[in-house]
All heavy atoms as atom14 arrays in JSON, in Angstrom:
{
  "sequence": "SFSDGLGQMDKEYLNLIRTYGGSKFQLYKIVKIPSAMISLLSGLKVAA",
  "atom14_mask": [
    [1, 1, 1, 1, 1, 1, 0, 0, 0, 0, 0, 0, 0, 0],
    [1, 1, 1, 1, 1, 1, 1, 1, 1, 1, 1, 0, 0, 0],
    [1, 1, 1, 1, 1, 1, 0, 0, 0, 0, 0, 0, 0, 0],
    [1, 1, 1, 1, 1, 1, 1, 1, 0, 0, 0, 0, 0, 0],
    [1, 1, 1, 1, 0, 0, 0, 0, 0, 0, 0, 0, 0, 0],
    [1, 1, 1, 1, 1, 1, 1, 1, 0, 0, 0, 0, 0, 0],
    [1, 1, 1, 1, 0, 0, 0, 0, 0, 0, 0, 0, 0, 0],
    [1, 1, 1, 1, 1, 1, 1, 1, 1, 0, 0, 0, 0, 0],
    [1, 1, 1, 1, 1, 1, 1, 1, 0, 0, 0, 0, 0, 0],
    [1, 1, 1, 1, 1, 1, 1, 1, 0, 0, 0, 0, 0, 0],
    [1, 1, 1, 1, 1, 1, 1, 1, 1, 0, 0, 0, 0, 0],
    [1, 1, 1, 1, 1, 1, 1, 1, 1, 0, 0, 0, 0, 0],
    [1, 1, 1, 1, 1, 1, 1, 1, 1, 1, 1, 1, 0, 0],
    [1, 1, 1, 1, 1, 1, 1, 1, 0, 0, 0, 0, 0, 0],
    [1, 1, 1, 1, 1, 1, 1, 1, 0, 0, 0, 0, 0, 0],
    [1, 1, 1, 1, 1, 1, 1, 1, 0, 0, 0, 0, 0, 0],
    [1, 1, 1, 1, 1, 1, 1, 1, 0, 0, 0, 0, 0, 0],
    [1, 1, 1, 1, 1, 1, 1, 1, 1, 1, 1, 0, 0, 0],
    [1, 1, 1, 1, 1, 1, 1, 0, 0, 0, 0, 0, 0, 0],
    [1, 1, 1, 1, 1, 1, 1, 1, 1, 1, 1, 1, 0, 0],
    [1, 1, 1, 1, 0, 0, 0, 0, 0, 0, 0, 0, 0, 0],
    [1, 1, 1, 1, 0, 0, 0, 0, 0, 0, 0, 0, 0, 0],
    [1, 1, 1, 1, 1, 1, 0, 0, 0, 0, 0, 0, 0, 0],
    [1, 1, 1, 1, 1, 1, 1, 1, 1, 0, 0, 0, 0, 0],
    [1, 1, 1, 1, 1, 1, 1, 1, 1, 1, 1, 0, 0, 0],
    [1, 1, 1, 1, 1, 1, 1, 1, 1, 0, 0, 0, 0, 0],
    [1, 1, 1, 1, 1, 1, 1, 1, 0, 0, 0, 0, 0, 0],
    [1, 1, 1, 1, 1, 1, 1, 1, 1, 1, 1, 1, 0, 0],
    [1, 1, 1, 1, 1, 1, 1, 1, 1, 0, 0, 0, 0, 0],
    [1, 1, 1, 1, 1, 1, 1, 1, 0, 0, 0, 0, 0, 0],
    [1, 1, 1, 1, 1, 1, 1, 0, 0, 0, 0, 0, 0, 0],
    [1, 1, 1, 1, 1, 1, 1, 1, 1, 0, 0, 0, 0, 0],
    [1, 1, 1, 1, 1, 1, 1, 1, 0, 0, 0, 0, 0, 0],
    [1, 1, 1, 1, 1, 1, 1, 0, 0, 0, 0, 0, 0, 0],
    [1, 1, 1, 1, 1, 1, 0, 0, 0, 0, 0, 0, 0, 0],
    [1, 1, 1, 1, 1, 0, 0, 0, 0, 0, 0, 0, 0, 0],
    [1, 1, 1, 1, 1, 1, 1, 1, 0, 0, 0, 0, 0, 0],
    [1, 1, 1, 1, 1, 1, 1, 1, 0, 0, 0, 0, 0, 0],
    [1, 1, 1, 1, 1, 1, 0, 0, 0, 0, 0, 0, 0, 0],
    [1, 1, 1, 1, 1, 1, 1, 1, 0, 0, 0, 0, 0, 0],
    [1, 1, 1, 1, 1, 1, 1, 1, 0, 0, 0, 0, 0, 0],
    [1, 1, 1, 1, 1, 1, 0, 0, 0, 0, 0, 0, 0, 0],
    [1, 1, 1, 1, 0, 0, 0, 0, 0, 0, 0, 0, 0, 0],
    [1, 1, 1, 1, 1, 1, 1, 1, 0, 0, 0, 0, 0, 0],
    [1, 1, 1, 1, 1, 1, 1, 1, 1, 0, 0, 0, 0, 0],
    [1, 1, 1, 1, 1, 1, 1, 0, 0, 0, 0, 0, 0, 0],
    [1, 1, 1, 1, 1, 0, 0, 0, 0, 0, 0, 0, 0, 0],
    [1, 1, 1, 1, 1, 0, 0, 0, 0, 0, 0, 0, 0, 0]
  ],
  "atom14_positions": [
    [[0.83, -1.21, 0.0], [0.0, 0.0, 0.0], [0.86, 1.25, 0.0], [0.56, 2.23, -0.7], [-0.93, 0.0, 1.21], [-0.19, -0.03, 2.42], [0.0, 0.0, 0.0], [0.0, 0.0, 0.0], [0.0, 0.0, 0.0], [0.0, 0.0, 0.0], [0.0, 0.0, 0.0], [0.0, 0.0, 0.0], [0.0, 0.0, 0.0], [0.0, 0.0, 0.0]],
    [[1.96, 1.23, 0.75], [2.83, 2.41, 0.83], [3.55, 2.67, -0.49], [3.59, 3.81, -0.97], [3.84, 2.22, 1.95], [4.76, 3.4, 2.16], [4.24, 4.67, 2.39], [6.13, 3.26, 2.13], [5.07, 5.76, 2.59], [6.98, 4.34, 2.32], [6.45, 5.59, 2.55], [0.0, 0.0, 0.0], [0.0, 0.0, 0.0], [0.0, 0.0, 0.0]],
    [[4.1, 1.62, -1.1], [4.8, 1.79, -2.37], [3.84, 2.23, -3.48], [4.2, 3.05, -4.34], [5.53, 0.5, -2.77], [4.61, -0.56, -2.92], [0.0, 0.0, 0.0], [0.0, 0.0, 0.0], [0.0, 0.0, 0.0], [0.0, 0.0, 0.0], [0.0, 0.0, 0.0], [0.0, 0.0, 0.0], [0.0, 0.0, 0.0], [0.0, 0.0, 0.0]],
    [[2.61, 1.7, -3.46], [1.61, 2.13, -4.44], [1.26, 3.59, -4.24], [1.09, 4.34, -5.22], [0.35, 1.27, -4.32], [0.53, -0.12, -4.89], [1.55, -0.34, -5.58], [-0.33, -0.98, -4.64], [0.0, 0.0, 0.0], [0.0, 0.0, 0.0], [0.0, 0.0, 0.0], [0.0, 0.0, 0.0], [0.0, 0.0, 0.0], [0.0, 0.0, 0.0]],
    [[1.14, 4.01, -2.99], [0.85, 5.42, -2.7], [1.95, 6.34, -3.17], [1.69, 7.42, -3.71], [0.0, 0.0, 0.0], [0.0, 0.0, 0.0], [0.0, 0.0, 0.0], [0.0, 0.0, 0.0], [0.0, 0.0, 0.0], [0.0, 0.0, 0.0], [0.0, 0.0, 0.0], [0.0, 0.0, 0.0], [0.0, 0.0, 0.0], [0.0, 0.0, 0.0]],
    [[3.2, 5.92, -3.0], [4.33, 6.73, -3.46], [4.34, 6.84, -4.98], [4.75, 7.87, -5.53], [5.65, 6.1, -2.98], [5.94, 6.15, -1.47], [7.21, 5.36, -1.16], [6.09, 7.59, -0.98], [0.0, 0.0, 0.0], [0.0, 0.0, 0.0], [0.0, 0.0, 0.0], [0.0, 0.0, 0.0], [0.0, 0.0, 0.0], [0.0, 0.0, 0.0]],
    [[3.92, 5.78, -5.66], [3.96, 5.77, -7.13], [2.81, 6.48, -7.8], [2.82, 6.62, -9.03], [0.0, 0.0, 0.0], [0.0, 0.0, 0.0], [0.0, 0.0, 0.0], [0.0, 0.0, 0.0], [0.0, 0.0, 0.0], [0.0, 0.0, 0.0], [0.0, 0.0, 0.0], [0.0, 0.0, 0.0], [0.0, 0.0, 0.0], [0.0, 0.0, 0.0]],
    [[1.81, 6.93, -7.03], [0.65, 7.57, -7.61], [0.72, 9.1, -7.63], [-0.27, 9.76, -7.93], [-0.61, 7.13, -6.85], [-0.97, 5.67, -7.08], [-2.09, 5.18, -6.19], [-2.63, 5.95, -5.39], [-2.46, 3.91, -6.32], [0.0, 0.0, 0.0], [0.0, 0.0, 0.0], [0.0, 0.0, 0.0], [0.0, 0.0, 0.0], [0.0, 0.0, 0.0]],
    [[1.89, 9.63, -7.31], [2.05, 11.09, -7.32], [1.98, 11.63, -8.75], [2.43, 10.98, -9.7], [3.4, 11.47, -6.71], [3.4, 11.49, -5.19], [2.37, 12.82, -4.54], [3.13, 14.24, -5.28], [0.0, 0.0, 0.0], [0.0, 0.0, 0.0], [0.0, 0.0, 0.0], [0.0, 0.0, 0.0], [0.0, 0.0, 0.0], [0.0, 0.0, 0.0]],
    [[1.46, 12.83, -8.89], [1.39, 13.52, -10.19], [2.81, 13.89, -10.63], [3.52, 14.62, -9.93], [0.53, 14.78, -10.05], [0.26, 15.45, -11.4], [0.94, 15.08, -12.38], [-0.62, 16.32, -11.46], [0.0, 0.0, 0.0], [0.0, 0.0, 0.0], [0.0, 0.0, 0.0], [0.0, 0.0, 0.0], [0.0, 0.0, 0.0], [0.0, 0.0, 0.0]],
    [[3.22, 13.38, -11.8], [4.59, 13.62, -12.27], [4.86, 15.1, -12.54], [5.98, 15.59, -12.33], [4.86, 12.8, -13.53], [4.93, 11.3, -13.27], [5.3, 10.55, -14.54], [5.41, 9.05, -14.24], [5.79, 8.27, -15.45], [0.0, 0.0, 0.0], [0.0, 0.0, 0.0], [0.0, 0.0, 0.0], [0.0, 0.0, 0.0], [0.0, 0.0, 0.0]],
    [[3.85, 15.83, -13.0], [4.03, 17.26, -13.26], [4.32, 18.01, -11.97], [5.13, 18.93, -11.93], [2.79, 17.83, -13.94], [2.56, 17.29, -15.35], [1.37, 17.94, -16.02], [0.73, 18.81, -15.38], [1.08, 17.58, -17.18], [0.0, 0.0, 0.0], [0.0, 0.0, 0.0], [0.0, 0.0, 0.0], [0.0, 0.0, 0.0], [0.0, 0.0, 0.0]],
    [[3.66, 17.59, -10.89], [3.89, 18.22, -9.6], [5.31, 17.92, -9.11], [6.0, 18.8, -8.57], [2.86, 17.73, -8.6], [2.93, 18.39, -7.25], [2.93, 19.78, -7.13], [3.0, 17.63, -6.09], [2.99, 20.39, -5.89], [3.07, 18.23, -4.84], [3.06, 19.61, -4.76], [3.12, 20.22, -3.53], [0.0, 0.0, 0.0], [0.0, 0.0, 0.0]],
    [[5.75, 16.68, -9.33], [7.1, 16.31, -8.93], [8.14, 17.09, -9.73], [9.16, 17.54, -9.18], [7.31, 14.81, -9.15], [6.47, 13.87, -8.27], [6.73, 12.41, -8.66], [6.78, 14.08, -6.8], [0.0, 0.0, 0.0], [0.0, 0.0, 0.0], [0.0, 0.0, 0.0], [0.0, 0.0, 0.0], [0.0, 0.0, 0.0], [0.0, 0.0, 0.0]],
    [[7.88, 17.27, -11.03], [8.8, 18.05, -11.86], [8.88, 19.5, -11.4], [9.94, 20.13, -11.45], [8.37, 17.99, -13.33], [8.58, 16.6, -13.93], [9.45, 15.86, -13.49], [7.78, 16.26, -14.93], [0.0, 0.0, 0.0], [0.0, 0.0, 0.0], [0.0, 0.0, 0.0], [0.0, 0.0, 0.0], [0.0, 0.0, 0.0], [0.0, 0.0, 0.0]],
    [[7.74, 20.01, -10.94], [7.72, 21.39, -10.42], [8.61, 21.52, -9.19], [9.37, 22.49, -9.05], [6.28, 21.79, -10.09], [6.09, 23.19, -9.49], [6.51, 24.26, -10.49], [4.64, 23.39, -9.06], [0.0, 0.0, 0.0], [0.0, 0.0, 0.0], [0.0, 0.0, 0.0], [0.0, 0.0, 0.0], [0.0, 0.0, 0.0], [0.0, 0.0, 0.0]],
    [[8.54, 20.53, -8.3], [9.38, 20.55, -7.1], [10.85, 20.48, -7.47], [11.7, 21.19, -6.9], [9.02, 19.37, -6.17], [7.56, 19.44, -5.74], [9.93, 19.35, -4.94], [7.2, 20.68, -4.96], [0.0, 0.0, 0.0], [0.0, 0.0, 0.0], [0.0, 0.0, 0.0], [0.0, 0.0, 0.0], [0.0, 0.0, 0.0], [0.0, 0.0, 0.0]],
    [[11.18, 19.65, -8.47], [12.57, 19.55, -8.91], [13.04, 20.85, -9.53], [14.2, 21.25, -9.39], [12.7, 18.4, -9.92], [12.49, 17.01, -9.34], [12.89, 15.93, -10.32], [12.59, 14.58, -9.83], [11.52, 13.89, -10.17], [10.62, 14.41, -11.04], [11.3, 12.69, -9.67], [0.0, 0.0, 0.0], [0.0, 0.0, 0.0], [0.0, 0.0, 0.0]],
    [[12.12, 21.52, -10.23], [12.47, 22.79, -10.86], [12.91, 23.82, -9.82], [13.8, 24.65, -10.08], [11.26, 23.34, -11.65], [10.89, 22.39, -12.64], [11.62, 24.66, -12.33], [0.0, 0.0, 0.0], [0.0, 0.0, 0.0], [0.0, 0.0, 0.0], [0.0, 0.0, 0.0], [0.0, 0.0, 0.0], [0.0, 0.0, 0.0], [0.0, 0.0, 0.0]],
    [[12.3, 23.78, -8.66], [12.65, 24.71, -7.58], [13.85, 24.23, -6.78], [14.15, 24.78, -5.72], [11.45, 24.91, -6.65], [10.43, 25.86, -7.2], [9.31, 25.38, -7.87], [10.59, 27.23, -7.08], [8.36, 26.24, -8.38], [9.64, 28.11, -7.6], [8.53, 27.6, -8.25], [7.6, 28.47, -8.77], [0.0, 0.0, 0.0], [0.0, 0.0, 0.0]],
    [[14.54, 23.23, -7.27], [15.78, 22.79, -6.65], [15.62, 21.79, -5.54], [16.56, 21.59, -4.75], [0.0, 0.0, 0.0], [0.0, 0.0, 0.0], [0.0, 0.0, 0.0], [0.0, 0.0, 0.0], [0.0, 0.0, 0.0], [0.0, 0.0, 0.0], [0.0, 0.0, 0.0], [0.0, 0.0, 0.0], [0.0, 0.0, 0.0], [0.0, 0.0, 0.0]],
    [[14.48, 21.14, -5.47], [14.26, 20.15, -4.41], [15.09, 18.89, -4.63], [15.13, 18.36, -5.74], [0.0, 0.0, 0.0], [0.0, 0.0, 0.0], [0.0, 0.0, 0.0], [0.0, 0.0, 0.0], [0.0, 0.0, 0.0], [0.0, 0.0, 0.0], [0.0, 0.0, 0.0], [0.0, 0.0, 0.0], [0.0, 0.0, 0.0], [0.0, 0.0, 0.0]],
    [[15.78, 18.46, -3.59], [16.59, 17.24, -3.68], [15.67, 16.02, -3.6], [14.48, 16.13, -3.28], [17.61, 17.2, -2.55], [16.96, 17.13, -1.3], [0.0, 0.0, 0.0], [0.0, 0.0, 0.0], [0.0, 0.0, 0.0], [0.0, 0.0, 0.0], [0.0, 0.0, 0.0], [0.0, 0.0, 0.0], [0.0, 0.0, 0.0], [0.0, 0.0, 0.0]],
    [[16.24, 14.84, -3.84], [15.45, 13.62, -3.78], [14.94, 13.38, -2.36], [13.81, 12.93, -2.15], [16.28, 12.43, -4.26], [15.44, 11.27, -4.78], [16.29, 10.33, -5.61], [15.38, 9.32, -6.31], [16.15, 8.41, -7.18], [0.0, 0.0, 0.0], [0.0, 0.0, 0.0], [0.0, 0.0, 0.0], [0.0, 0.0, 0.0], [0.0, 0.0, 0.0]],
    [[15.81, 13.7, -1.38], [15.41, 13.54, 0.02], [14.24, 14.46, 0.35], [13.27, 14.04, 1.0], [16.6, 13.84, 0.94], [16.25, 13.84, 2.4], [16.08, 12.65, 3.09], [16.07, 15.04, 3.08], [15.75, 12.65, 4.43], [15.74, 15.05, 4.42], [15.58, 13.85, 5.1], [0.0, 0.0, 0.0], [0.0, 0.0, 0.0], [0.0, 0.0, 0.0]],
    [[14.32, 15.71, -0.09], [13.24, 16.66, 0.15], [11.97, 16.26, -0.59], [10.86, 16.48, -0.09], [13.68, 18.07, -0.29], [14.75, 18.67, 0.59], [15.27, 19.99, 0.04], [15.38, 20.16, -1.18], [15.6, 20.91, 0.92], [0.0, 0.0, 0.0], [0.0, 0.0, 0.0], [0.0, 0.0, 0.0], [0.0, 0.0, 0.0], [0.0, 0.0, 0.0]],
    [[12.15, 15.67, -1.75], [11.0, 15.21, -2.54], [10.17, 14.19, -1.76], [8.93, 14.27, -1.73], [11.49, 14.6, -3.85], [10.5, 14.5, -5.01], [10.1, 15.88, -5.49], [11.12, 13.7, -6.15], [0.0, 0.0, 0.0], [0.0, 0.0, 0.0], [0.0, 0.0, 0.0], [0.0, 0.0, 0.0], [0.0, 0.0, 0.0], [0.0, 0.0, 0.0]],
    [[10.88, 13.29, -1.11], [10.17, 12.27, -0.33], [9.65, 12.84, 1.0], [8.52, 12.54, 1.4], [11.1, 11.07, -0.05], [11.16, 10.11, -1.21], [12.15, 10.21, -2.17], [10.21, 9.1, -1.36], [12.22, 9.34, -3.25], [10.26, 8.23, -2.44], [11.27, 8.35, -3.37], [11.31, 7.49, -4.44], [0.0, 0.0, 0.0], [0.0, 0.0, 0.0]],
    [[10.46, 13.64, 1.64], [10.08, 14.18, 2.95], [8.9, 15.14, 2.88], [7.97, 15.09, 3.7], [11.29, 14.86, 3.59], [11.0, 15.44, 4.97], [12.22, 16.14, 5.54], [11.9, 16.76, 6.89], [13.07, 17.48, 7.46], [0.0, 0.0, 0.0], [0.0, 0.0, 0.0], [0.0, 0.0, 0.0], [0.0, 0.0, 0.0], [0.0, 0.0, 0.0]],
    [[8.92, 16.02, 1.87], [7.92, 17.1, 1.81], [6.7, 16.71, 0.98], [5.58, 17.12, 1.29], [8.57, 18.38, 1.23], [9.74, 18.83, 2.13], [7.56, 19.51, 1.1], [10.55, 19.97, 1.56], [0.0, 0.0, 0.0], [0.0, 0.0, 0.0], [0.0, 0.0, 0.0], [0.0, 0.0, 0.0], [0.0, 0.0, 0.0], [0.0, 0.0, 0.0]],
    [[6.92, 15.89, -0.06], [5.84, 15.66, -1.01], [5.35, 14.2, -1.0], [4.19, 13.92, -0.69], [6.28, 16.04, -2.44], [5.13, 15.81, -3.42], [6.75, 17.48, -2.48], [0.0, 0.0, 0.0], [0.0, 0.0, 0.0], [0.0, 0.0, 0.0], [0.0, 0.0, 0.0], [0.0, 0.0, 0.0], [0.0, 0.0, 0.0], [0.0, 0.0, 0.0]],
    [[6.24, 13.28, -1.33], [5.79, 11.91, -1.6], [5.25, 11.19, -0.36], [4.16, 10.6, -0.4], [6.94, 11.11, -2.22], [7.11, 11.35, -3.72], [7.86, 10.2, -4.36], [7.7, 10.23, -5.86], [8.23, 9.03, -6.52], [0.0, 0.0, 0.0], [0.0, 0.0, 0.0], [0.0, 0.0, 0.0], [0.0, 0.0, 0.0], [0.0, 0.0, 0.0]],
    [[6.01, 11.21, 0.72], [5.57, 10.48, 1.91], [4.28, 11.04, 2.49], [3.35, 10.27, 2.78], [6.7, 10.44, 2.97], [7.86, 9.59, 2.45], [6.18, 9.9, 4.3], [9.06, 9.52, 3.38], [0.0, 0.0, 0.0], [0.0, 0.0, 0.0], [0.0, 0.0, 0.0], [0.0, 0.0, 0.0], [0.0, 0.0, 0.0], [0.0, 0.0, 0.0]],
    [[4.15, 12.39, 2.63], [2.85, 12.91, 3.11], [1.68, 12.54, 2.18], [0.58, 12.26, 2.66], [3.07, 14.42, 3.13], [4.55, 14.58, 3.33], [5.16, 13.46, 2.55], [0.0, 0.0, 0.0], [0.0, 0.0, 0.0], [0.0, 0.0, 0.0], [0.0, 0.0, 0.0], [0.0, 0.0, 0.0], [0.0, 0.0, 0.0], [0.0, 0.0, 0.0]],
    [[1.93, 12.53, 0.88], [0.87, 12.21, -0.07], [0.49, 10.73, -0.02], [-0.64, 10.37, -0.37], [1.3, 12.57, -1.5], [1.55, 13.96, -1.59], [0.0, 0.0, 0.0], [0.0, 0.0, 0.0], [0.0, 0.0, 0.0], [0.0, 0.0, 0.0], [0.0, 0.0, 0.0], [0.0, 0.0, 0.0], [0.0, 0.0, 0.0], [0.0, 0.0, 0.0]],
    [[1.44, 9.89, 0.4], [1.19, 8.45, 0.45], [0.6, 8.0, 1.79], [0.37, 6.81, 1.99], [2.49, 7.68, 0.18], [0.0, 0.0, 0.0], [0.0, 0.0, 0.0], [0.0, 0.0, 0.0], [0.0, 0.0, 0.0], [0.0, 0.0, 0.0], [0.0, 0.0, 0.0], [0.0, 0.0, 0.0], [0.0, 0.0, 0.0], [0.0, 0.0, 0.0]],
    [[0.35, 8.95, 2.69], [-0.13, 8.59, 4.03], [-1.48, 7.86, 4.0], [-1.7, 6.93, 4.78], [-0.24, 9.84, 4.9], [1.09, 10.31, 5.48], [1.85, 9.08, 6.55], [0.64, 8.99, 7.87], [0.0, 0.0, 0.0], [0.0, 0.0, 0.0], [0.0, 0.0, 0.0], [0.0, 0.0, 0.0], [0.0, 0.0, 0.0], [0.0, 0.0, 0.0]],
    [[-2.37, 8.29, 3.12], [-3.69, 7.65, 3.07], [-3.55, 6.18, 2.68], [-4.16, 5.29, 3.27], [-4.62, 8.38, 2.08], [-4.91, 9.8, 2.6], [-5.93, 7.61, 1.89], [-5.76, 10.63, 1.67], [0.0, 0.0, 0.0], [0.0, 0.0, 0.0], [0.0, 0.0, 0.0], [0.0, 0.0, 0.0], [0.0, 0.0, 0.0], [0.0, 0.0, 0.0]],
    [[-2.72, 5.91, 1.67], [-2.48, 4.52, 1.26], [-1.78, 3.74, 2.36], [-2.11, 2.57, 2.61], [-1.61, 4.5, -0.01], [-2.27, 5.13, -1.09], [0.0, 0.0, 0.0], [0.0, 0.0, 0.0], [0.0, 0.0, 0.0], [0.0, 0.0, 0.0], [0.0, 0.0, 0.0], [0.0, 0.0, 0.0], [0.0, 0.0, 0.0], [0.0, 0.0, 0.0]],
    [[-0.82, 4.39, 3.02], [-0.11, 3.73, 4.12], [-1.06, 3.34, 5.23], [-0.98, 2.23, 5.78], [0.99, 4.66, 4.65], [1.75, 4.18, 5.89], [2.48, 2.87, 5.6], [2.74, 5.25, 6.36], [0.0, 0.0, 0.0], [0.0, 0.0, 0.0], [0.0, 0.0, 0.0], [0.0, 0.0, 0.0], [0.0, 0.0, 0.0], [0.0, 0.0, 0.0]],
    [[-1.97, 4.24, 5.57], [-2.94, 3.95, 6.63], [-3.86, 2.79, 6.26], [-4.25, 2.0, 7.12], [-3.76, 5.2, 6.95], [-3.01, 6.3, 7.7], [-3.82, 7.58, 7.74], [-2.68, 5.85, 9.11], [0.0, 0.0, 0.0], [0.0, 0.0, 0.0], [0.0, 0.0, 0.0], [0.0, 0.0, 0.0], [0.0, 0.0, 0.0], [0.0, 0.0, 0.0]],
    [[-4.2, 2.68, 4.98], [-5.02, 1.55, 4.53], [-4.3, 0.23, 4.78], [-4.9, -0.74, 5.27], [-5.36, 1.7, 3.05], [-6.12, 2.86, 2.81], [0.0, 0.0, 0.0], [0.0, 0.0, 0.0], [0.0, 0.0, 0.0], [0.0, 0.0, 0.0], [0.0, 0.0, 0.0], [0.0, 0.0, 0.0], [0.0, 0.0, 0.0], [0.0, 0.0, 0.0]],
    [[-3.02, 0.2, 4.44], [-2.24, -1.0, 4.7], [-2.07, -1.28, 6.18], [-2.1, -2.44, 6.61], [0.0, 0.0, 0.0], [0.0, 0.0, 0.0], [0.0, 0.0, 0.0], [0.0, 0.0, 0.0], [0.0, 0.0, 0.0], [0.0, 0.0, 0.0], [0.0, 0.0, 0.0], [0.0, 0.0, 0.0], [0.0, 0.0, 0.0], [0.0, 0.0, 0.0]],
    [[-1.91, -0.23, 6.97], [-1.76, -0.4, 8.42], [-3.02, -0.96, 9.05], [-2.96, -1.76, 9.99], [-1.41, 0.95, 9.07], [0.06, 1.38, 9.03], [0.2, 2.81, 9.55], [0.92, 0.43, 9.86], [0.0, 0.0, 0.0], [0.0, 0.0, 0.0], [0.0, 0.0, 0.0], [0.0, 0.0, 0.0], [0.0, 0.0, 0.0], [0.0, 0.0, 0.0]],
    [[-4.19, -0.56, 8.55], [-5.45, -1.09, 9.09], [-5.54, -2.6, 8.86], [-5.96, -3.35, 9.76], [-6.64, -0.38, 8.43], [-6.82, 1.07, 8.85], [-7.94, 1.72, 8.06], [-8.04, 3.21, 8.38], [-9.07, 3.88, 7.54], [0.0, 0.0, 0.0], [0.0, 0.0, 0.0], [0.0, 0.0, 0.0], [0.0, 0.0, 0.0], [0.0, 0.0, 0.0]],
    [[-5.15, -3.02, 7.67], [-5.17, -4.46, 7.37], [-4.16, -5.19, 8.25], [-4.45, -6.23, 8.85], [-4.86, -4.71, 5.88], [-4.77, -6.21, 5.59], [-5.91, -4.05, 5.0], [0.0, 0.0, 0.0], [0.0, 0.0, 0.0], [0.0, 0.0, 0.0], [0.0, 0.0, 0.0], [0.0, 0.0, 0.0], [0.0, 0.0, 0.0], [0.0, 0.0, 0.0]],
    [[-2.96, -4.62, 8.35], [-1.89, -5.25, 9.14], [-2.27, -5.31, 10.61], [-2.0, -6.31, 11.29], [-0.59, -4.48, 8.96], [0.0, 0.0, 0.0], [0.0, 0.0, 0.0], [0.0, 0.0, 0.0], [0.0, 0.0, 0.0], [0.0, 0.0, 0.0], [0.0, 0.0, 0.0], [0.0, 0.0, 0.0], [0.0, 0.0, 0.0], [0.0, 0.0, 0.0]],
    [[-2.9, -4.25, 11.12], [-3.3, -4.23, 12.53], [-4.3, -5.34, 12.83], [-4.25, -5.97, 13.9], [-3.91, -2.86, 12.87], [0.0, 0.0, 0.0], [0.0, 0.0, 0.0], [0.0, 0.0, 0.0], [0.0, 0.0, 0.0], [0.0, 0.0, 0.0], [0.0, 0.0, 0.0], [0.0, 0.0, 0.0], [0.0, 0.0, 0.0], [0.0, 0.0, 0.0]]
  ]
}
């Protein structure tokens, strides 16, 4: 669920973040991981 959530980000939005000089670490910390939280929580409910 978490990996699927990370892969569903809008590529144009990611390109915009890169345009502003965002590093790969910042990309995950600021954009990808927060956006994947809903998918992560779905997997956590099943796992729990």
